[in-house]
Amino acid sequence: MSNLHIEATYLLETPMDPARIAAVMAGEQSSGTFVRVAGETDELRARAAAEVLEVSELEPVNEPSLESAYLQRKAVAGPYRRARVRIAYPVANIGRNLPTLAATVSGNLYDIGEVTGLKLLSLSIPQAYRARYPMPTMGIAGTRAQSGVHDRPLFGTIIKPNVGMRSNEIADLVETLCEAGVDFIKDDEVCANPDHAPISERVPAVMARIRACRERTGRDVMMAFNITDETDAMRRHADLVASEGGSCVMASLNWCGLSGMESLRAHTPLAIHGHRNGFGAMSRHPLLGIGFDAYQAMYRLAGVDHMHVHGIGGKFVDAADEVEAAARRCIAPLAADATDADDRVMPAFSSGQWAGTLPRTFEAVGSADFLFMAGGGILAHPGGPAAGVQSLRQAWDAVAAGQSLQAWSSKAPELGAALEFFGP
């Protein structure tokens, strides 16, 4: 891979010759248009034109994945040919500009008339370009240092009910969770600055309980306050969290956007917990949108420290191999030619997680470098939240010892109760 180019890989569907459409894609997203124009010199094309590196045809299909009025006007029908396409875009066209990077590798490609399916699968970013952007302020190593957890996954939970509680009620729950032994707590994505628990009131109330736990036990529970908002408000909210002794903020990536996240990163040294809610709208269709590999690359350039990957065996649509691939991508360097700088981010598992899903999660990640969040798995444990946390720790003990959860539960009553209550 050239240090002067970013490579994007796509899945393409078209009734036309895929190689010809790949050339259209490259032209549309760089120096060309549908016809050569004045000023488009050979010298300009040599330095600014995108280059098609590969077109690998796959099995065709008889029906289009997406309709195209353009093809209907032209009376063009199937079969619809599919191909993996790889295109190199000159870094000089983009500069240090995340929105323009997104516009370049995605942009109008989805609207090209000859296309009946297109998905951006991955981005390959050279270290020289990655170095233009901020590193995570905490990432994996810093999150571990902040929480004091070094030899196992971080165990966390989510404030439940999702929204509706008042600030003092949330603070009471946080105190209970701190006493229960969690490492990490986060707001739900729909609870940012509600009227009944405004962030100006909620942050001081919650942090008073966390500081009391810190002073009493020496444990520093990390709380990810949801500060999702317009950019200036997010800056103010982050300052409030920092002034109260907090260490982490959370934002809904898709609704704050690349620019918002980059601005937040530039403003605060706090860990940024990246929540990907809404990602399914751009990823679930196999021939439309953006895959996780490309998605995480852009938000890692924005400087997030934690990245949601959903959960294995949880309540969402992801197959286990999709979650596994997402988690392993987070704990790998972003650039293929990375230097020694550590820009790995902490994969955050959630959605229907409990002690029983921990072994498969560890297998998926291949290390203990992950954040394992169990909402009901902790709060709904029949023995209460403390027993829920203990069941996770006991499940990890079983994993570390190479034992099955069922066998280990004979000497781990909280784990046994979880297995009986939540199922095998």
Protein backbone atom coordinates (compact mmCIF):
# COMPACT_ATOMS: atom_id res chain seq x y z
CA MET A 1 0.00 0.00 0.00
CA SER A 2 1.30 3.44 -0.94
CA ASN A 3 1.72 6.09 1.76
CA LEU A 4 0.15 8.45 -0.76
CA HIS A 5 -3.16 6.61 -1.11
CA ILE A 6 -6.10 5.31 0.92
CA GLU A 7 -7.49 2.06 -0.43
CA ALA A 8 -11.21 1.31 -0.24
CA THR A 9 -12.76 -2.09 -0.89
CA TYR A 10 -16.37 -2.36 -2.08
CA LEU A 11 -18.94 -4.98 -2.94
CA LEU A 12 -20.52 -3.90 -6.24
CA GLU A 13 -23.62 -5.07 -8.09
CA THR A 14 -24.47 -3.88 -11.62
CA PRO A 15 -25.91 -5.24 -14.88
CA MET A 16 -22.98 -3.59 -16.68
CA ASP A 17 -19.35 -4.61 -16.92
CA PRO A 18 -18.04 -4.28 -13.30
CA ALA A 19 -14.64 -3.09 -14.54
CA ARG A 20 -16.26 -0.22 -16.43
CA ILE A 21 -18.40 0.75 -13.43
CA ALA A 22 -15.37 0.61 -11.16
CA ALA A 23 -13.72 3.15 -13.46
CA VAL A 24 -16.85 5.30 -13.20
CA MET A 25 -16.64 5.07 -9.41
CA ALA A 26 -12.99 6.11 -9.38
CA GLY A 27 -13.67 9.05 -11.65
CA GLU A 28 -16.77 10.21 -9.80
CA GLN A 29 -14.92 10.33 -6.49
CA SER A 30 -11.74 11.98 -7.70
CA SER A 31 -10.86 14.26 -10.63
CA GLY A 32 -13.26 12.94 -13.25
CA THR A 33 -16.89 13.22 -14.21
CA PHE A 34 -19.00 11.50 -16.88
CA VAL A 35 -17.20 13.44 -19.61
CA ARG A 36 -13.74 15.00 -19.77
CA VAL A 37 -13.86 18.71 -19.05
CA ALA A 38 -11.63 21.70 -19.78
CA GLY A 39 -8.77 21.91 -17.32
CA GLU A 40 -8.63 18.14 -16.79
CA THR A 41 -5.08 17.88 -18.00
CA ASP A 42 -2.99 14.74 -18.12
CA GLU A 43 -0.83 16.20 -15.35
CA LEU A 44 -3.87 16.82 -13.13
CA ARG A 45 -5.20 13.32 -13.75
CA ALA A 46 -1.81 11.80 -12.93
CA ARG A 47 -1.74 13.33 -9.47
CA ALA A 48 -5.44 13.51 -8.55
CA ALA A 49 -7.24 10.62 -10.25
CA ALA A 50 -8.25 7.59 -8.21
CA GLU A 51 -6.98 4.25 -9.48
CA VAL A 52 -8.87 0.98 -9.77
CA LEU A 53 -6.56 -1.64 -8.28
CA GLU A 54 -8.71 -4.75 -8.50
CA VAL A 55 -12.03 -6.03 -9.84
CA SER A 56 -12.79 -9.61 -8.82
CA GLU A 57 -16.07 -10.94 -10.16
CA LEU A 58 -18.37 -13.06 -8.01
CA GLU A 59 -21.47 -15.09 -8.82
CA PRO A 60 -24.16 -13.01 -10.57
CA VAL A 61 -27.80 -12.84 -9.47
CA ASN A 62 -31.02 -12.63 -11.45
CA GLU A 63 -32.74 -9.86 -9.50
CA PRO A 64 -31.33 -6.47 -8.50
CA SER A 65 -30.73 -5.72 -4.83
CA LEU A 66 -31.84 -2.12 -5.38
CA GLU A 67 -33.96 -0.46 -8.04
CA SER A 68 -32.52 2.13 -10.43
CA ALA A 69 -34.70 4.52 -12.43
CA TYR A 70 -31.64 5.18 -14.59
CA LEU A 71 -31.45 1.53 -15.66
CA GLN A 72 -35.20 1.41 -16.19
CA ARG A 73 -35.00 4.41 -18.52
CA LYS A 74 -32.19 2.72 -20.41
CA ALA A 75 -34.14 -0.58 -20.49
CA VAL A 76 -31.15 -2.43 -19.03
CA ALA A 77 -31.91 -5.66 -17.18
CA GLY A 78 -29.99 -8.50 -15.56
CA PRO A 79 -28.25 -10.69 -14.91
CA TYR A 80 -26.72 -8.52 -12.21
CA ARG A 81 -22.99 -9.01 -11.90
CA ARG A 82 -21.27 -8.75 -8.55
CA ALA A 83 -17.63 -7.97 -7.85
CA ARG A 84 -15.20 -6.96 -5.15
CA VAL A 85 -13.65 -3.68 -6.21
CA ARG A 86 -10.58 -2.02 -4.72
CA ILE A 87 -9.85 1.64 -5.46
CA ALA A 88 -6.90 3.81 -4.34
CA TYR A 89 -7.64 7.47 -3.59
CA PRO A 90 -4.83 10.04 -3.44
CA VAL A 91 -4.32 11.33 0.10
CA ALA A 92 -3.52 14.75 -1.36
CA ASN A 93 -7.13 15.06 -2.56
CA ILE A 94 -8.38 14.71 1.01
CA GLY A 95 -5.86 16.26 3.39
CA ARG A 96 -6.55 16.04 7.11
CA ASN A 97 -10.31 16.22 6.72
CA LEU A 98 -12.52 13.43 8.00
CA PRO A 99 -15.80 14.56 6.39
CA THR A 100 -14.03 14.78 3.04
CA LEU A 101 -12.49 11.36 3.57
CA ALA A 102 -16.02 9.99 4.09
CA ALA A 103 -17.33 11.91 1.09
CA THR A 104 -14.49 10.55 -1.04
CA VAL A 105 -14.80 6.86 -0.20
CA SER A 106 -18.63 6.93 -0.05
CA GLY A 107 -20.35 10.08 -1.24
CA ASN A 108 -22.20 9.84 -4.55
CA LEU A 109 -21.14 6.24 -5.17
CA TYR A 110 -24.45 4.97 -3.82
CA ASP A 111 -26.33 7.11 -6.33
CA ILE A 112 -24.57 6.06 -9.54
CA GLY A 113 -27.30 5.00 -11.95
CA GLU A 114 -25.61 1.83 -13.17
CA VAL A 115 -25.30 0.50 -9.62
CA THR A 116 -27.93 -1.83 -8.12
CA GLY A 117 -25.91 -2.58 -5.01
CA LEU A 118 -22.88 -1.05 -3.34
CA LYS A 119 -21.31 -1.50 0.08
CA LEU A 120 -18.09 0.04 1.38
CA LEU A 121 -16.46 -2.91 3.14
CA SER A 122 -13.11 -1.68 4.42
CA LEU A 123 -10.50 1.03 4.34
CA SER A 124 -6.75 0.53 4.30
CA ILE A 125 -5.08 3.61 5.76
CA PRO A 126 -1.32 4.12 5.73
CA GLN A 127 0.44 5.07 8.96
CA ALA A 128 1.62 8.33 7.42
CA TYR A 129 -2.02 9.39 7.01
CA ARG A 130 -3.12 7.95 10.36
CA ALA A 131 -0.43 10.11 12.01
CA ARG A 132 -2.27 13.26 10.89
CA TYR A 133 -5.06 12.49 13.37
CA PRO A 134 -5.20 12.27 17.17
CA MET A 135 -4.49 9.06 19.02
CA PRO A 136 -6.92 7.80 21.66
CA THR A 137 -6.18 9.54 24.96
CA MET A 138 -6.75 6.31 26.89
CA GLY A 139 -7.49 3.44 24.54
CA ILE A 140 -6.97 0.02 26.07
CA ALA A 141 -3.91 0.70 28.19
CA GLY A 142 -5.22 3.98 29.61
CA THR A 143 -8.64 2.55 30.38
CA ARG A 144 -7.00 -0.29 32.29
CA ALA A 145 -4.75 2.12 34.18
CA GLN A 146 -7.68 4.39 35.06
CA SER A 147 -9.84 1.56 36.35
CA GLY A 148 -7.01 -0.44 37.95
CA VAL A 149 -8.07 -3.63 36.14
CA HIS A 150 -5.13 -5.35 34.45
CA ASP A 151 -5.59 -9.13 34.41
CA ARG A 152 -9.16 -9.63 33.20
CA PRO A 153 -11.87 -7.94 31.14
CA LEU A 154 -13.56 -4.87 32.56
CA PHE A 155 -17.05 -5.69 33.81
CA GLY A 156 -19.63 -3.00 33.42
CA THR A 157 -23.32 -2.27 33.20
CA ILE A 158 -25.82 0.24 31.89
CA ILE A 159 -28.18 2.48 33.82
CA LYS A 160 -31.61 0.83 33.73
CA PRO A 161 -34.41 1.84 33.24
CA ASN A 162 -32.92 3.43 30.12
CA VAL A 163 -34.53 6.80 30.74
CA GLY A 164 -37.07 8.22 33.16
CA MET A 165 -35.26 8.19 36.49
CA ARG A 166 -34.44 11.44 38.26
CA SER A 167 -30.89 12.45 39.04
CA ASN A 168 -31.02 11.35 42.69
CA GLU A 169 -32.45 7.97 41.65
CA ILE A 170 -29.67 7.47 39.12
CA ALA A 171 -27.11 8.45 41.76
CA ASP A 172 -28.61 5.90 44.16
CA LEU A 173 -28.32 3.19 41.51
CA VAL A 174 -24.73 4.17 40.73
CA GLU A 175 -23.87 3.88 44.41
CA THR A 176 -25.43 0.42 44.50
CA LEU A 177 -23.44 -0.61 41.43
CA CYS A 178 -20.21 0.78 42.85
CA GLU A 179 -20.79 -1.21 46.04
CA ALA A 180 -21.55 -4.26 43.90
CA GLY A 181 -18.06 -4.10 42.42
CA VAL A 182 -18.55 -3.01 38.80
CA ASP A 183 -15.61 -1.49 36.95
CA PHE A 184 -17.62 0.58 34.48
CA ILE A 185 -21.07 2.15 34.26
CA LYS A 186 -22.62 4.00 31.34
CA ASP A 187 -25.73 5.98 30.59
CA ASP A 188 -28.09 4.55 28.01
CA GLU A 189 -27.88 6.14 24.57
CA VAL A 190 -31.37 7.64 24.92
CA CYS A 191 -30.56 9.35 28.22
CA ALA A 192 -28.40 12.39 27.52
CA ASN A 193 -29.95 15.59 28.86
CA PRO A 194 -33.58 14.81 29.72
CA ASP A 195 -35.75 17.29 31.59
CA HIS A 196 -36.14 14.95 34.57
CA ALA A 197 -32.37 14.35 34.93
CA PRO A 198 -30.51 17.26 33.31
CA ILE A 199 -26.83 16.65 32.86
CA SER A 200 -25.95 19.75 34.89
CA GLU A 201 -27.64 18.11 37.87
CA ARG A 202 -27.01 14.44 37.09
CA VAL A 203 -23.22 14.60 36.74
CA PRO A 204 -22.56 16.20 40.17
CA ALA A 205 -25.04 13.86 41.86
CA VAL A 206 -23.51 10.72 40.35
CA MET A 207 -19.89 11.80 40.74
CA ALA A 208 -20.41 12.51 44.44
CA ARG A 209 -21.22 8.81 44.90
CA ILE A 210 -18.32 7.66 42.71
CA ARG A 211 -15.86 9.88 44.58
CA ALA A 212 -17.14 8.54 47.90
CA CYS A 213 -16.58 4.98 46.67
CA ARG A 214 -13.12 5.93 45.43
CA GLU A 215 -12.15 7.44 48.79
CA ARG A 216 -13.57 4.55 50.77
CA THR A 217 -12.33 1.59 48.69
CA GLY A 218 -9.58 2.89 46.43
CA ARG A 219 -11.52 1.60 43.41
CA ASP A 220 -12.06 4.13 40.63
CA VAL A 221 -15.28 3.19 38.84
CA MET A 222 -15.36 4.65 35.33
CA MET A 223 -18.67 6.30 34.46
CA ALA A 224 -19.43 7.11 30.80
CA PHE A 225 -21.82 10.06 30.92
CA ASN A 226 -23.88 10.42 27.76
CA ILE A 227 -23.08 13.93 26.55
CA THR A 228 -24.56 13.52 23.06
CA ASP A 229 -25.59 16.99 21.89
CA GLU A 230 -24.52 19.72 19.50
CA THR A 231 -20.78 20.30 19.54
CA ASP A 232 -20.51 23.33 21.84
CA ALA A 233 -22.83 21.69 24.37
CA MET A 234 -20.74 18.50 24.30
CA ARG A 235 -17.65 20.55 25.10
CA ARG A 236 -19.42 22.13 28.08
CA HIS A 237 -20.70 18.78 29.29
CA ALA A 238 -17.22 17.24 29.04
CA ASP A 239 -15.80 20.12 31.08
CA LEU A 240 -18.41 19.49 33.76
CA VAL A 241 -17.54 15.79 33.93
CA ALA A 242 -13.84 16.64 34.22
CA SER A 243 -14.46 19.25 36.93
CA GLU A 244 -16.32 16.63 38.98
CA GLY A 245 -13.44 14.16 38.74
CA GLY A 246 -14.92 11.98 36.01
CA SER A 247 -12.83 10.15 33.45
CA CYS A 248 -15.16 9.22 30.58
CA VAL A 249 -17.89 10.59 28.34
CA MET A 250 -20.11 8.83 25.85
CA ALA A 251 -21.46 10.07 22.53
CA SER A 252 -23.73 8.61 19.86
CA LEU A 253 -21.29 8.55 16.96
CA ASN A 254 -23.74 8.54 14.07
CA TRP A 255 -25.76 11.50 15.28
CA CYS A 256 -22.83 13.65 16.44
CA GLY A 257 -20.88 12.83 13.29
CA LEU A 258 -17.21 12.73 12.44
CA SER A 259 -16.71 16.48 12.86
CA GLY A 260 -18.44 16.53 16.23
CA MET A 261 -16.36 13.65 17.52
CA GLU A 262 -13.13 15.15 16.23
CA SER A 263 -13.95 18.47 17.89
CA LEU A 264 -14.77 16.73 21.16
CA ARG A 265 -11.48 14.81 21.04
CA ALA A 266 -9.55 18.03 20.51
CA HIS A 267 -11.28 19.62 23.50
CA THR A 268 -11.06 17.00 26.24
CA PRO A 269 -8.56 14.45 27.57
CA LEU A 270 -11.40 12.28 28.92
CA ALA A 271 -11.95 8.84 27.45
CA ILE A 272 -14.56 8.91 24.68
CA HIS A 273 -16.90 5.93 24.73
CA GLY A 274 -18.17 5.61 21.16
CA HIS A 275 -21.75 4.29 20.91
CA ARG A 276 -22.70 3.15 17.43
CA ASN A 277 -26.53 3.20 17.78
CA GLY A 278 -28.05 3.54 14.32
CA PHE A 279 -25.21 1.64 12.68
CA GLY A 280 -27.65 -1.04 11.54
CA ALA A 281 -29.27 1.47 9.18
CA MET A 282 -26.03 1.66 7.20
CA SER A 283 -24.80 -1.90 7.64
CA ARG A 284 -27.58 -4.50 7.71
CA HIS A 285 -28.28 -4.68 3.98
CA PRO A 286 -25.62 -6.87 2.35
CA LEU A 287 -25.46 -4.67 -0.78
CA LEU A 288 -25.90 -1.20 0.66
CA GLY A 289 -24.11 1.03 3.13
CA ILE A 290 -20.92 0.75 5.14
CA GLY A 291 -19.37 -2.27 6.83
CA PHE A 292 -17.90 -2.11 10.32
CA ASP A 293 -14.28 -2.26 9.17
CA ALA A 294 -14.62 0.98 7.21
CA TYR A 295 -16.84 2.56 9.85
CA GLN A 296 -14.50 1.96 12.75
CA ALA A 297 -11.55 3.30 10.77
CA MET A 298 -13.13 6.72 10.35
CA TYR A 299 -14.23 7.03 13.98
CA ARG A 300 -10.86 5.83 15.22
CA LEU A 301 -9.30 8.64 13.22
CA ALA A 302 -11.67 10.93 15.12
CA GLY A 303 -10.01 9.77 18.35
CA VAL A 304 -12.46 7.54 20.22
CA ASP A 305 -11.17 5.27 23.00
CA HIS A 306 -13.94 2.64 23.20
CA MET A 307 -16.05 1.26 20.35
CA HIS A 308 -19.29 -0.69 20.63
CA VAL A 309 -19.33 -4.04 18.82
CA HIS A 310 -22.67 -5.42 20.15
CA GLY A 311 -22.56 -8.89 21.71
CA ILE A 312 -22.40 -12.58 20.92
CA GLY A 313 -25.60 -14.44 21.68
CA GLY A 314 -27.32 -11.15 22.48
CA LYS A 315 -30.54 -9.47 21.46
CA PHE A 316 -29.33 -7.83 18.24
CA VAL A 317 -29.03 -9.15 14.69
CA ASP A 318 -25.26 -9.63 14.50
CA ALA A 319 -23.91 -13.10 13.79
CA ALA A 320 -21.14 -14.27 16.09
CA ASP A 321 -18.51 -14.03 13.38
CA GLU A 322 -19.48 -10.40 12.67
CA VAL A 323 -19.06 -9.46 16.33
CA GLU A 324 -15.78 -11.37 16.48
CA ALA A 325 -14.41 -9.58 13.42
CA ALA A 326 -15.44 -6.20 14.84
CA ALA A 327 -13.78 -6.84 18.18
CA ARG A 328 -10.55 -8.11 16.66
CA ARG A 329 -10.40 -5.08 14.39
CA CYS A 330 -10.63 -2.77 17.41
CA ILE A 331 -7.68 -4.41 19.17
CA ALA A 332 -5.47 -4.29 16.07
CA PRO A 333 -3.54 -1.20 14.96
CA LEU A 334 -5.53 0.91 12.54
CA ALA A 335 -2.80 1.21 9.89
CA ALA A 336 -1.51 -1.92 8.17
CA ASP A 337 2.01 -0.50 8.32
CA ALA A 338 1.63 0.76 11.90
CA THR A 339 4.63 1.80 13.94
CA ASP A 340 5.02 1.25 17.68
CA ALA A 341 2.37 3.81 18.65
CA ASP A 342 -0.61 2.08 20.32
CA ASP A 343 -3.86 3.28 18.76
CA ARG A 344 -5.93 0.23 19.67
CA VAL A 345 -9.38 0.91 21.10
CA MET A 346 -11.33 -1.03 23.71
CA PRO A 347 -14.11 -3.15 22.16
CA ALA A 348 -17.29 -2.72 24.18
CA PHE A 349 -19.69 -5.68 24.26
CA SER A 350 -23.33 -5.19 25.20
CA SER A 351 -26.85 -6.37 24.36
CA GLY A 352 -28.14 -9.35 26.32
CA GLN A 353 -24.79 -10.19 27.89
CA TRP A 354 -24.41 -12.20 31.10
CA ALA A 355 -22.02 -14.70 32.65
CA GLY A 356 -23.03 -17.39 30.15
CA THR A 357 -21.91 -15.37 27.12
CA LEU A 358 -18.47 -14.53 28.54
CA PRO A 359 -16.57 -17.66 27.37
CA ARG A 360 -17.55 -17.19 23.72
CA THR A 361 -16.74 -13.50 23.97
CA PHE A 362 -13.23 -14.23 25.23
CA GLU A 363 -12.78 -16.76 22.45
CA ALA A 364 -13.86 -14.14 19.92
CA VAL A 365 -11.48 -11.44 21.12
CA GLY A 366 -8.56 -13.76 21.77
CA SER A 367 -7.47 -11.71 24.78
CA ALA A 368 -8.89 -10.12 27.92
CA ASP A 369 -8.75 -6.64 26.38
CA PHE A 370 -12.45 -5.91 26.24
CA LEU A 371 -15.25 -4.21 28.12
CA PHE A 372 -18.06 -6.62 28.94
CA MET A 373 -21.29 -4.84 29.81
CA ALA A 374 -24.20 -6.74 31.28
CA GLY A 375 -27.37 -4.79 32.02
CA GLY A 376 -29.89 -7.43 33.01
CA GLY A 377 -27.03 -9.88 33.52
CA ILE A 378 -26.08 -7.86 36.60
CA LEU A 379 -29.20 -5.97 37.62
CA ALA A 380 -31.62 -8.88 37.12
CA HIS A 381 -29.49 -11.55 38.81
CA PRO A 382 -31.71 -13.30 41.39
CA GLY A 383 -29.17 -12.52 44.10
CA GLY A 384 -29.02 -8.83 43.26
CA PRO A 385 -26.42 -6.66 41.51
CA ALA A 386 -23.49 -7.72 43.71
CA ALA A 387 -24.23 -11.35 42.92
CA GLY A 388 -24.52 -10.42 39.24
CA VAL A 389 -21.03 -8.89 39.26
CA GLN A 390 -19.69 -11.86 41.19
CA SER A 391 -21.18 -14.24 38.64
CA LEU A 392 -19.17 -12.48 35.90
CA ARG A 393 -15.96 -12.71 37.90
CA GLN A 394 -16.59 -16.37 38.61
CA ALA A 395 -17.28 -17.00 34.93
CA TRP A 396 -13.93 -15.38 34.14
CA ASP A 397 -12.21 -17.56 36.75
CA ALA A 398 -13.65 -20.59 34.96
CA VAL A 399 -12.47 -19.32 31.57
CA ALA A 400 -8.99 -18.56 32.91
CA ALA A 401 -8.81 -22.04 34.41
CA GLY A 402 -9.97 -23.70 31.19
CA GLN A 403 -13.08 -25.09 32.85
CA SER A 404 -16.70 -25.11 31.75
CA LEU A 405 -19.07 -22.73 33.54
CA GLN A 406 -21.25 -25.64 34.59
CA ALA A 407 -18.37 -27.48 36.23
CA TRP A 408 -17.06 -24.32 37.90
CA SER A 409 -20.48 -23.41 39.26
CA SER A 410 -20.31 -26.20 41.81
CA LYS A 411 -18.00 -23.96 43.85
CA ALA A 412 -19.34 -20.63 42.57
CA PRO A 413 -22.92 -20.15 43.80
CA GLU A 414 -23.52 -16.80 42.09
CA LEU A 415 -22.49 -18.28 38.75
CA GLY A 416 -24.69 -21.30 39.42
CA ALA A 417 -27.66 -19.04 40.14
CA ALA A 418 -27.02 -17.12 36.89
CA LEU A 419 -26.88 -20.32 34.87
CA GLU A 420 -30.14 -21.50 36.39
CA PHE A 421 -31.91 -18.16 36.02
CA PHE A 422 -30.75 -16.96 32.58
CA GLY A 423 -30.48 -20.38 30.94
CA PRO A 424 -27.66 -22.59 29.66
